[in-house]
């Protein structure tokens, strides 16, 4: 369970960094936004899977 909690903390931190980057930048290209969105989507998927694993 400790590994799951550490992974959740790590992926949450990574997601927050991406959101901060998007929200604080005013010169992102469309490609940058798409790339960051894809990365965020992957992280959110992993977080969801880890939360489900934690409950079981």
Protein backbone atom coordinates (compact mmCIF):
# COMPACT_ATOMS: atom_id res chain seq x y z
CA UNK A 1 0.00 0.00 0.00
CA UNK A 2 2.94 2.32 0.70
CA UNK A 3 4.09 2.08 -2.93
CA UNK A 4 0.59 2.98 -4.14
CA UNK A 5 0.51 6.03 -1.88
CA UNK A 6 3.95 7.14 -3.08
CA UNK A 7 2.88 6.71 -6.71
CA UNK A 8 -0.29 8.72 -6.10
CA UNK A 9 1.73 11.51 -4.51
CA UNK A 10 4.21 11.50 -7.40
CA UNK A 11 1.60 11.55 -10.15
CA UNK A 12 -0.41 14.20 -8.32
CA UNK A 13 2.67 16.39 -8.12
CA UNK A 14 3.37 15.88 -11.83
CA UNK A 15 -0.23 16.78 -12.72
CA UNK A 16 -0.03 19.92 -10.62
CA UNK A 17 3.21 20.95 -12.37
CA UNK A 18 1.56 20.60 -15.78
CA UNK A 19 -1.47 22.61 -14.71
CA UNK A 20 0.75 25.33 -13.27
CA UNK A 21 2.76 25.45 -16.48
CA UNK A 22 -0.36 25.82 -18.61
CA UNK A 23 -1.95 28.40 -16.33
CA UNK A 24 1.16 30.53 -15.89
CA UNK A 25 2.30 30.62 -19.50
CA UNK A 26 0.91 33.04 -22.03
CA UNK A 27 3.01 31.95 -24.98
CA UNK A 28 2.14 28.27 -25.40
CA UNK A 29 1.54 27.09 -28.92
CA UNK A 30 -1.41 24.93 -29.87
CA UNK A 31 0.98 22.00 -30.11
CA UNK A 32 2.26 22.70 -26.59
CA UNK A 33 -1.27 22.74 -25.20
CA UNK A 34 -2.12 19.50 -26.98
CA UNK A 35 1.07 17.82 -25.74
CA UNK A 36 0.55 18.96 -22.16
CA UNK A 37 -3.09 17.88 -22.33
CA UNK A 38 -2.07 14.42 -23.47
CA UNK A 39 0.47 14.16 -20.65
CA UNK A 40 -2.11 15.31 -18.12
CA UNK A 41 -4.62 12.79 -19.46
CA UNK A 42 -2.15 9.95 -19.00
CA UNK A 43 -1.34 11.06 -15.46
CA UNK A 44 -5.02 11.34 -14.57
CA UNK A 45 -5.63 7.84 -15.95
CA UNK A 46 -2.80 6.48 -13.81
CA UNK A 47 -4.11 8.30 -10.74
CA UNK A 48 -7.58 6.85 -11.28
CA UNK A 49 -6.16 3.34 -11.58
CA UNK A 50 -4.09 3.79 -8.43
CA UNK A 51 -7.07 5.11 -6.47
CA UNK A 52 -9.09 2.06 -7.53
CA UNK A 53 -6.23 -0.23 -6.54
CA UNK A 54 -5.97 1.53 -3.19
CA UNK A 55 -9.64 0.91 -2.45
CA UNK A 56 -9.33 -2.85 -3.13
